[in-house]
Amino acid sequence: MTASAEKDLRGLDRTTLRRVIAAIQTFAHNPFPAGAIKLTDADRLYRVRVGQYRVIYEVEPAEGIITVHYRRHRRDAYRRF
């Protein structure tokens, strides 16, 4: 998890935080859970919807590494792209 992703988690209420953490933990068993969508202009970036929030993450299948980049409210999630 990147530093910005960890910082993003600090601003969440407990209920939402639990839901986001549960979604992130599923990546360890399945990097492409139901509802995961590949971002169109990014090579290995995906997003998962968690209520009003989006978790943006990168999958490196050859290395078996999943990096969570950030969590944003849906209205702000794609501004970097």
PDB file of N, CA and C in Angstrom:
ATOM      1  N   MET A   1       0.860  -1.168   0.000  1.00  0.00           N
ATOM      2  CA  MET A   1       0.000   0.000   0.000  1.00  0.00           C
ATOM      3  C   MET A   1       0.904   1.228   0.000  1.00  0.00           C
ATOM      4  N   THR A   2       0.585   2.170  -0.865  1.00  0.00           N
ATOM      5  CA  THR A   2       1.392   3.382  -0.922  1.00  0.00           C
ATOM      6  C   THR A   2       1.094   4.272   0.279  1.00  0.00           C
ATOM      7  N   ALA A   3       1.983   5.219   0.526  1.00  0.00           N
ATOM      8  CA  ALA A   3       1.794   6.152   1.643  1.00  0.00           C
ATOM      9  C   ALA A   3       0.525   6.969   1.451  1.00  0.00           C
ATOM     10  N   SER A   4       0.227   7.359   0.217  1.00  0.00           N
ATOM     11  CA  SER A   4      -0.984   8.145  -0.016  1.00  0.00           C
ATOM     12  C   SER A   4      -2.237   7.314   0.253  1.00  0.00           C
ATOM     13  N   ALA A   5      -2.190   6.019  -0.026  1.00  0.00           N
ATOM     14  CA  ALA A   5      -3.338   5.153   0.267  1.00  0.00           C
ATOM     15  C   ALA A   5      -3.549   5.034   1.771  1.00  0.00           C
ATOM     16  N   GLU A   6      -2.460   4.889   2.514  1.00  0.00           N
ATOM     17  CA  GLU A   6      -2.573   4.822   3.973  1.00  0.00           C
ATOM     18  C   GLU A   6      -3.135   6.122   4.533  1.00  0.00           C
ATOM     19  N   LYS A   7      -2.694   7.233   3.993  1.00  0.00           N
ATOM     20  CA  LYS A   7      -3.190   8.537   4.440  1.00  0.00           C
ATOM     21  C   LYS A   7      -4.681   8.669   4.133  1.00  0.00           C
ATOM     22  N   ASP A   8      -5.098   8.197   2.962  1.00  0.00           N
ATOM     23  CA  ASP A   8      -6.509   8.258   2.581  1.00  0.00           C
ATOM     24  C   ASP A   8      -7.394   7.503   3.567  1.00  0.00           C
ATOM     25  N   LEU A   9      -6.902   6.393   4.088  1.00  0.00           N
ATOM     26  CA  LEU A   9      -7.706   5.589   5.008  1.00  0.00           C
ATOM     27  C   LEU A   9      -7.972   6.304   6.323  1.00  0.00           C
ATOM     28  N   ARG A  10      -7.076   7.170   6.727  1.00  0.00           N
ATOM     29  CA  ARG A  10      -7.241   7.866   8.016  1.00  0.00           C
ATOM     30  C   ARG A  10      -8.478   8.754   8.059  1.00  0.00           C
ATOM     31  N   GLY A  11      -8.951   9.213   6.919  1.00  0.00           N
ATOM     32  CA  GLY A  11     -10.082  10.130   6.899  1.00  0.00           C
ATOM     33  C   GLY A  11     -11.443   9.468   6.866  1.00  0.00           C
ATOM     34  N   LEU A  12     -11.484   8.153   6.923  1.00  0.00           N
ATOM     35  CA  LEU A  12     -12.756   7.446   6.804  1.00  0.00           C
ATOM     36  C   LEU A  12     -13.407   7.185   8.154  1.00  0.00           C
ATOM     37  N   ASP A  13     -14.738   7.121   8.156  1.00  0.00           N
ATOM     38  CA  ASP A  13     -15.438   6.711   9.371  1.00  0.00           C
ATOM     39  C   ASP A  13     -15.232   5.204   9.551  1.00  0.00           C
ATOM     40  N   ARG A  14     -15.510   4.694  10.734  1.00  0.00           N
ATOM     41  CA  ARG A  14     -15.199   3.290  11.055  1.00  0.00           C
ATOM     42  C   ARG A  14     -15.880   2.288  10.132  1.00  0.00           C
ATOM     43  N   THR A  15     -17.151   2.508   9.854  1.00  0.00           N
ATOM     44  CA  THR A  15     -17.889   1.567   9.016  1.00  0.00           C
ATOM     45  C   THR A  15     -17.291   1.490   7.619  1.00  0.00           C
ATOM     46  N   THR A  16     -17.036   2.639   7.026  1.00  0.00           N
ATOM     47  CA  THR A  16     -16.460   2.670   5.685  1.00  0.00           C
ATOM     48  C   THR A  16     -15.047   2.115   5.701  1.00  0.00           C
ATOM     49  N   LEU A  17     -14.279   2.438   6.732  1.00  0.00           N
ATOM     50  CA  LEU A  17     -12.915   1.927   6.853  1.00  0.00           C
ATOM     51  C   LEU A  17     -12.914   0.399   6.863  1.00  0.00           C
ATOM     52  N   ARG A  18     -13.821  -0.196   7.628  1.00  0.00           N
ATOM     53  CA  ARG A  18     -13.907  -1.659   7.673  1.00  0.00           C
ATOM     54  C   ARG A  18     -14.227  -2.241   6.301  1.00  0.00           C
ATOM     55  N   ARG A  19     -15.135  -1.594   5.590  1.00  0.00           N
ATOM     56  CA  ARG A  19     -15.517  -2.079   4.261  1.00  0.00           C
ATOM     57  C   ARG A  19     -14.359  -1.972   3.276  1.00  0.00           C
ATOM     58  N   VAL A  20     -13.621  -0.865   3.330  1.00  0.00           N
ATOM     59  CA  VAL A  20     -12.481  -0.678   2.428  1.00  0.00           C
ATOM     60  C   VAL A  20     -11.381  -1.689   2.752  1.00  0.00           C
ATOM     61  N   ILE A  21     -11.084  -1.878   4.027  1.00  0.00           N
ATOM     62  CA  ILE A  21     -10.053  -2.845   4.421  1.00  0.00           C
ATOM     63  C   ILE A  21     -10.459  -4.259   4.008  1.00  0.00           C
ATOM     64  N   ALA A  22     -11.726  -4.602   4.168  1.00  0.00           N
ATOM     65  CA  ALA A  22     -12.195  -5.928   3.749  1.00  0.00           C
ATOM     66  C   ALA A  22     -12.004  -6.111   2.244  1.00  0.00           C
ATOM     67  N   ALA A  23     -12.292  -5.078   1.471  1.00  0.00           N
ATOM     68  CA  ALA A  23     -12.096  -5.155   0.018  1.00  0.00           C
ATOM     69  C   ALA A  23     -10.625  -5.345  -0.318  1.00  0.00           C
ATOM     70  N   ILE A  24      -9.752  -4.606   0.356  1.00  0.00           N
ATOM     71  CA  ILE A  24      -8.312  -4.711   0.106  1.00  0.00           C
ATOM     72  C   ILE A  24      -7.801  -6.100   0.482  1.00  0.00           C
ATOM     73  N   GLN A  25      -8.300  -6.654   1.572  1.00  0.00           N
ATOM     74  CA  GLN A  25      -7.853  -7.983   2.005  1.00  0.00           C
ATOM     75  C   GLN A  25      -8.251  -9.076   1.017  1.00  0.00           C
ATOM     76  N   THR A  26      -9.343  -8.883   0.284  1.00  0.00           N
ATOM     77  CA  THR A  26      -9.738  -9.888  -0.709  1.00  0.00           C
ATOM     78  C   THR A  26      -8.724  -9.980  -1.843  1.00  0.00           C
ATOM     79  N   PHE A  27      -7.958  -8.916  -2.084  1.00  0.00           N
ATOM     80  CA  PHE A  27      -6.962  -8.939  -3.159  1.00  0.00           C
ATOM     81  C   PHE A  27      -5.907 -10.016  -2.926  1.00  0.00           C
ATOM     82  N   ALA A  28      -5.631 -10.358  -1.684  1.00  0.00           N
ATOM     83  CA  ALA A  28      -4.628 -11.386  -1.381  1.00  0.00           C
ATOM     84  C   ALA A  28      -5.047 -12.745  -1.943  1.00  0.00           C
ATOM     85  N   HIS A  29      -6.350 -13.001  -1.967  1.00  0.00           N
ATOM     86  CA  HIS A  29      -6.861 -14.280  -2.462  1.00  0.00           C
ATOM     87  C   HIS A  29      -7.292 -14.203  -3.920  1.00  0.00           C
ATOM     88  N   ASN A  30      -7.766 -13.036  -4.324  1.00  0.00           N
ATOM     89  CA  ASN A  30      -8.271 -12.854  -5.681  1.00  0.00           C
ATOM     90  C   ASN A  30      -8.040 -11.404  -6.097  1.00  0.00           C
ATOM     91  N   PRO A  31      -7.037 -11.132  -6.929  1.00  0.00           N
ATOM     92  CA  PRO A  31      -6.762  -9.751  -7.318  1.00  0.00           C
ATOM     93  C   PRO A  31      -7.831  -9.149  -8.226  1.00  0.00           C
ATOM     94  N   PHE A  32      -8.743  -9.976  -8.712  1.00  0.00           N
ATOM     95  CA  PHE A  32      -9.808  -9.491  -9.584  1.00  0.00           C
ATOM     96  C   PHE A  32     -11.169  -9.916  -9.034  1.00  0.00           C
ATOM     97  N   PRO A  33     -11.565  -9.369  -7.876  1.00  0.00           N
ATOM     98  CA  PRO A  33     -12.849  -9.762  -7.283  1.00  0.00           C
ATOM     99  C   PRO A  33     -14.015  -9.289  -8.146  1.00  0.00           C
ATOM    100  N   ALA A  34     -15.194  -9.790  -7.844  1.00  0.00           N
ATOM    101  CA  ALA A  34     -16.393  -9.356  -8.558  1.00  0.00           C
ATOM    102  C   ALA A  34     -16.505  -7.840  -8.460  1.00  0.00           C
ATOM    103  N   GLY A  35     -16.755  -7.210  -9.574  1.00  0.00           N
ATOM    104  CA  GLY A  35     -16.882  -5.757  -9.593  1.00  0.00           C
ATOM    105  C   GLY A  35     -15.595  -5.022  -9.899  1.00  0.00           C
ATOM    106  N   ALA A  36     -14.473  -5.727  -9.993  1.00  0.00           N
ATOM    107  CA  ALA A  36     -13.203  -5.075 -10.339  1.00  0.00           C
ATOM    108  C   ALA A  36     -13.240  -4.704 -11.814  1.00  0.00           C
ATOM    109  N   ILE A  37     -12.885  -3.468 -12.108  1.00  0.00           N
ATOM    110  CA  ILE A  37     -12.910  -2.973 -13.483  1.00  0.00           C
ATOM    111  C   ILE A  37     -11.541  -2.424 -13.836  1.00  0.00           C
ATOM    112  N   LYS A  38     -11.038  -2.828 -15.006  1.00  0.00           N
ATOM    113  CA  LYS A  38      -9.752  -2.328 -15.486  1.00  0.00           C
ATOM    114  C   LYS A  38      -9.933  -0.895 -15.966  1.00  0.00           C
ATOM    115  N   LEU A  39      -9.022  -0.017 -15.575  1.00  0.00           N
ATOM    116  CA  LEU A  39      -9.077   1.366 -16.034  1.00  0.00           C
ATOM    117  C   LEU A  39      -8.577   1.417 -17.474  1.00  0.00           C
ATOM    118  N   THR A  40      -9.253   2.169 -18.311  1.00  0.00           N
ATOM    119  CA  THR A  40      -9.022   2.099 -19.750  1.00  0.00           C
ATOM    120  C   THR A  40      -7.648   2.579 -20.197  1.00  0.00           C
ATOM    121  N   ASP A  41      -7.152   3.673 -19.685  1.00  0.00           N
ATOM    122  CA  ASP A  41      -5.885   4.229 -20.157  1.00  0.00           C
ATOM    123  C   ASP A  41      -4.694   3.815 -19.307  1.00  0.00           C
ATOM    124  N   ALA A  42      -4.860   2.827 -18.490  1.00  0.00           N
ATOM    125  CA  ALA A  42      -3.776   2.385 -17.609  1.00  0.00           C
ATOM    126  C   ALA A  42      -3.511   0.902 -17.861  1.00  0.00           C
ATOM    127  N   ASP A  43      -2.249   0.560 -17.889  1.00  0.00           N
ATOM    128  CA  ASP A  43      -1.861  -0.796 -18.256  1.00  0.00           C
ATOM    129  C   ASP A  43      -2.294  -1.849 -17.238  1.00  0.00           C
ATOM    130  N   ARG A  44      -2.023  -1.614 -15.954  1.00  0.00           N
ATOM    131  CA  ARG A  44      -2.299  -2.630 -14.932  1.00  0.00           C
ATOM    132  C   ARG A  44      -3.156  -2.101 -13.787  1.00  0.00           C
ATOM    133  N   LEU A  45      -3.863  -0.995 -13.995  1.00  0.00           N
ATOM    134  CA  LEU A  45      -4.666  -0.409 -12.923  1.00  0.00           C
ATOM    135  C   LEU A  45      -6.113  -0.882 -12.989  1.00  0.00           C
ATOM    136  N   TYR A  46      -6.652  -1.143 -11.802  1.00  0.00           N
ATOM    137  CA  TYR A  46      -8.032  -1.579 -11.661  1.00  0.00           C
ATOM    138  C   TYR A  46      -8.682  -0.763 -10.560  1.00  0.00           C
ATOM    139  N   ARG A  47     -10.003  -0.813 -10.532  1.00  0.00           N
ATOM    140  CA  ARG A  47     -10.713  -0.158  -9.449  1.00  0.00           C
ATOM    141  C   ARG A  47     -11.803  -1.071  -8.938  1.00  0.00           C
ATOM    142  N   VAL A  48     -12.070  -0.936  -7.648  1.00  0.00           N
ATOM    143  CA  VAL A  48     -13.157  -1.651  -6.994  1.00  0.00           C
ATOM    144  C   VAL A  48     -14.008  -0.611  -6.296  1.00  0.00           C
ATOM    145  N   ARG A  49     -15.296  -0.749  -6.440  1.00  0.00           N
ATOM    146  CA  ARG A  49     -16.241   0.165  -5.807  1.00  0.00           C
ATOM    147  C   ARG A  49     -16.548  -0.340  -4.401  1.00  0.00           C
ATOM    148  N   VAL A  50     -16.448   0.572  -3.430  1.00  0.00           N
ATOM    149  CA  VAL A  50     -16.813   0.272  -2.044  1.00  0.00           C
ATOM    150  C   VAL A  50     -17.732   1.406  -1.607  1.00  0.00           C
ATOM    151  N   GLY A  51     -19.031   1.208  -1.785  1.00  0.00           N
ATOM    152  CA  GLY A  51     -19.986   2.276  -1.490  1.00  0.00           C
ATOM    153  C   GLY A  51     -19.732   3.471  -2.392  1.00  0.00           C
ATOM    154  N   GLN A  52     -19.566   4.640  -1.794  1.00  0.00           N
ATOM    155  CA  GLN A  52     -19.312   5.865  -2.548  1.00  0.00           C
ATOM    156  C   GLN A  52     -17.832   6.053  -2.873  1.00  0.00           C
ATOM    157  N   TYR A  53     -17.001   5.107  -2.490  1.00  0.00           N
ATOM    158  CA  TYR A  53     -15.555   5.228  -2.676  1.00  0.00           C
ATOM    159  C   TYR A  53     -15.054   4.251  -3.725  1.00  0.00           C
ATOM    160  N   ARG A  54     -13.889   4.581  -4.293  1.00  0.00           N
ATOM    161  CA  ARG A  54     -13.218   3.714  -5.251  1.00  0.00           C
ATOM    162  C   ARG A  54     -11.816   3.429  -4.740  1.00  0.00           C
ATOM    163  N   VAL A  55     -11.433   2.170  -4.765  1.00  0.00           N
ATOM    164  CA  VAL A  55     -10.076   1.763  -4.408  1.00  0.00           C
ATOM    165  C   VAL A  55      -9.361   1.487  -5.731  1.00  0.00           C
ATOM    166  N   ILE A  56      -8.309   2.245  -6.002  1.00  0.00           N
ATOM    167  CA  ILE A  56      -7.539   2.096  -7.231  1.00  0.00           C
ATOM    168  C   ILE A  56      -6.276   1.299  -6.892  1.00  0.00           C
ATOM    169  N   TYR A  57      -6.043   0.227  -7.638  1.00  0.00           N
ATOM    170  CA  TYR A  57      -4.894  -0.621  -7.335  1.00  0.00           C
ATOM    171  C   TYR A  57      -4.252  -1.142  -8.616  1.00  0.00           C
ATOM    172  N   GLU A  58      -3.016  -1.579  -8.473  1.00  0.00           N
ATOM    173  CA  GLU A  58      -2.229  -2.079  -9.597  1.00  0.00           C
ATOM    174  C   GLU A  58      -1.880  -3.541  -9.355  1.00  0.00           C
ATOM    175  N   VAL A  59      -1.984  -4.336 -10.404  1.00  0.00           N
ATOM    176  CA  VAL A  59      -1.663  -5.756 -10.308  1.00  0.00           C
ATOM    177  C   VAL A  59      -0.446  -6.047 -11.181  1.00  0.00           C
ATOM    178  N   GLU A  60       0.550  -6.673 -10.580  1.00  0.00           N
ATOM    179  CA  GLU A  60       1.732  -7.135 -11.309  1.00  0.00           C
ATOM    180  C   GLU A  60       1.737  -8.660 -11.213  1.00  0.00           C
ATOM    181  N   PRO A  61       1.052  -9.340 -12.146  1.00  0.00           N
ATOM    182  CA  PRO A  61       0.853 -10.785 -12.019  1.00  0.00           C
ATOM    183  C   PRO A  61       2.144 -11.600 -12.037  1.00  0.00           C
ATOM    184  N   ALA A  62       3.129 -11.187 -12.801  1.00  0.00           N
ATOM    185  CA  ALA A  62       4.381 -11.951 -12.875  1.00  0.00           C
ATOM    186  C   ALA A  62       5.077 -12.012 -11.520  1.00  0.00           C
ATOM    187  N   GLU A  63       5.016 -10.899 -10.778  1.00  0.00           N
ATOM    188  CA  GLU A  63       5.657 -10.836  -9.465  1.00  0.00           C
ATOM    189  C   GLU A  63       4.715 -11.215  -8.334  1.00  0.00           C
ATOM    190  N   GLY A  64       3.422 -11.309  -8.632  1.00  0.00           N
ATOM    191  CA  GLY A  64       2.445 -11.600  -7.589  1.00  0.00           C
ATOM    192  C   GLY A  64       2.258 -10.446  -6.622  1.00  0.00           C
ATOM    193  N   ILE A  65       2.425  -9.218  -7.125  1.00  0.00           N
ATOM    194  CA  ILE A  65       2.349  -8.026  -6.273  1.00  0.00           C
ATOM    195  C   ILE A  65       1.105  -7.220  -6.630  1.00  0.00           C
ATOM    196  N   ILE A  66       0.402  -6.791  -5.587  1.00  0.00           N
ATOM    197  CA  ILE A  66      -0.741  -5.897  -5.748  1.00  0.00           C
ATOM    198  C   ILE A  66      -0.453  -4.657  -4.921  1.00  0.00           C
ATOM    199  N   THR A  67      -0.496  -3.500  -5.559  1.00  0.00           N
ATOM    200  CA  THR A  67      -0.222  -2.239  -4.875  1.00  0.00           C
ATOM    201  C   THR A  67      -1.487  -1.396  -4.861  1.00  0.00           C
ATOM    202  N   VAL A  68      -1.962  -1.051  -3.676  1.00  0.00           N
ATOM    203  CA  VAL A  68      -3.114  -0.156  -3.549  1.00  0.00           C
ATOM    204  C   VAL A  68      -2.573   1.259  -3.607  1.00  0.00           C
ATOM    205  N   HIS A  69      -3.026   2.028  -4.606  1.00  0.00           N
ATOM    206  CA  HIS A  69      -2.508   3.376  -4.803  1.00  0.00           C
ATOM    207  C   HIS A  69      -3.285   4.417  -4.005  1.00  0.00           C
ATOM    208  N   TYR A  70      -4.592   4.375  -4.078  1.00  0.00           N
ATOM    209  CA  TYR A  70      -5.358   5.322  -3.279  1.00  0.00           C
ATOM    210  C   TYR A  70      -6.824   4.962  -3.226  1.00  0.00           C
ATOM    211  N   ARG A  71      -7.501   5.601  -2.285  1.00  0.00           N
ATOM    212  CA  ARG A  71      -8.935   5.483  -2.100  1.00  0.00           C
ATOM    213  C   ARG A  71      -9.497   6.888  -2.205  1.00  0.00           C
ATOM    214  N   ARG A  72     -10.481   7.058  -3.047  1.00  0.00           N
ATOM    215  CA  ARG A  72     -11.082   8.376  -3.216  1.00  0.00           C
ATOM    216  C   ARG A  72     -12.601   8.246  -3.308  1.00  0.00           C
ATOM    217  N   HIS A  73     -13.270   9.347  -2.991  1.00  0.00           N
ATOM    218  CA  HIS A  73     -14.702   9.416  -3.227  1.00  0.00           C
ATOM    219  C   HIS A  73     -14.916   9.327  -4.730  1.00  0.00           C
ATOM    220  N   ARG A  74     -16.027   8.775  -5.144  1.00  0.00           N
ATOM    221  CA  ARG A  74     -16.249   8.524  -6.568  1.00  0.00           C
ATOM    222  C   ARG A  74     -16.144   9.777  -7.425  1.00  0.00           C
ATOM    223  N   ARG A  75     -16.507  10.929  -6.894  1.00  0.00           N
ATOM    224  CA  ARG A  75     -16.440  12.155  -7.698  1.00  0.00           C
ATOM    225  C   ARG A  75     -14.998  12.601  -7.955  1.00  0.00           C
ATOM    226  N   ASP A  76     -14.056  12.135  -7.129  1.00  0.00           N
ATOM    227  CA  ASP A  76     -12.652  12.541  -7.261  1.00  0.00           C
ATOM    228  C   ASP A  76     -11.725  11.426  -7.741  1.00  0.00           C
ATOM    229  N   ALA A  77     -12.215  10.220  -7.856  1.00  0.00           N
ATOM    230  CA  ALA A  77     -11.348   9.050  -8.053  1.00  0.00           C
ATOM    231  C   ALA A  77     -10.543   9.073  -9.341  1.00  0.00           C
ATOM    232  N   TYR A  78     -11.074   9.663 -10.397  1.00  0.00           N
ATOM    233  CA  TYR A  78     -10.418   9.534 -11.701  1.00  0.00           C
ATOM    234  C   TYR A  78      -9.735  10.815 -12.157  1.00  0.00           C
ATOM    235  N   ARG A  79      -9.633  11.788 -11.311  1.00  0.00           N
ATOM    236  CA  ARG A  79      -9.035  13.068 -11.708  1.00  0.00           C
ATOM    237  C   ARG A  79      -7.570  12.947 -12.091  1.00  0.00           C
ATOM    238  N   ARG A  80      -6.865  11.970 -11.542  1.00  0.00           N
ATOM    239  CA  ARG A  80      -5.456  11.768 -11.898  1.00  0.00           C
ATOM    240  C   ARG A  80      -5.302  11.239 -13.315  1.00  0.00           C
ATOM    241  N   PHE A  81      -6.360  10.698 -13.862  1.00  0.00           N
ATOM    242  CA  PHE A  81      -6.282  10.076 -15.177  1.00  0.00           C
ATOM    243  C   PHE A  81      -6.928  10.977 -16.177  1.00  0.00           C
TER     244      PHE A  81
END
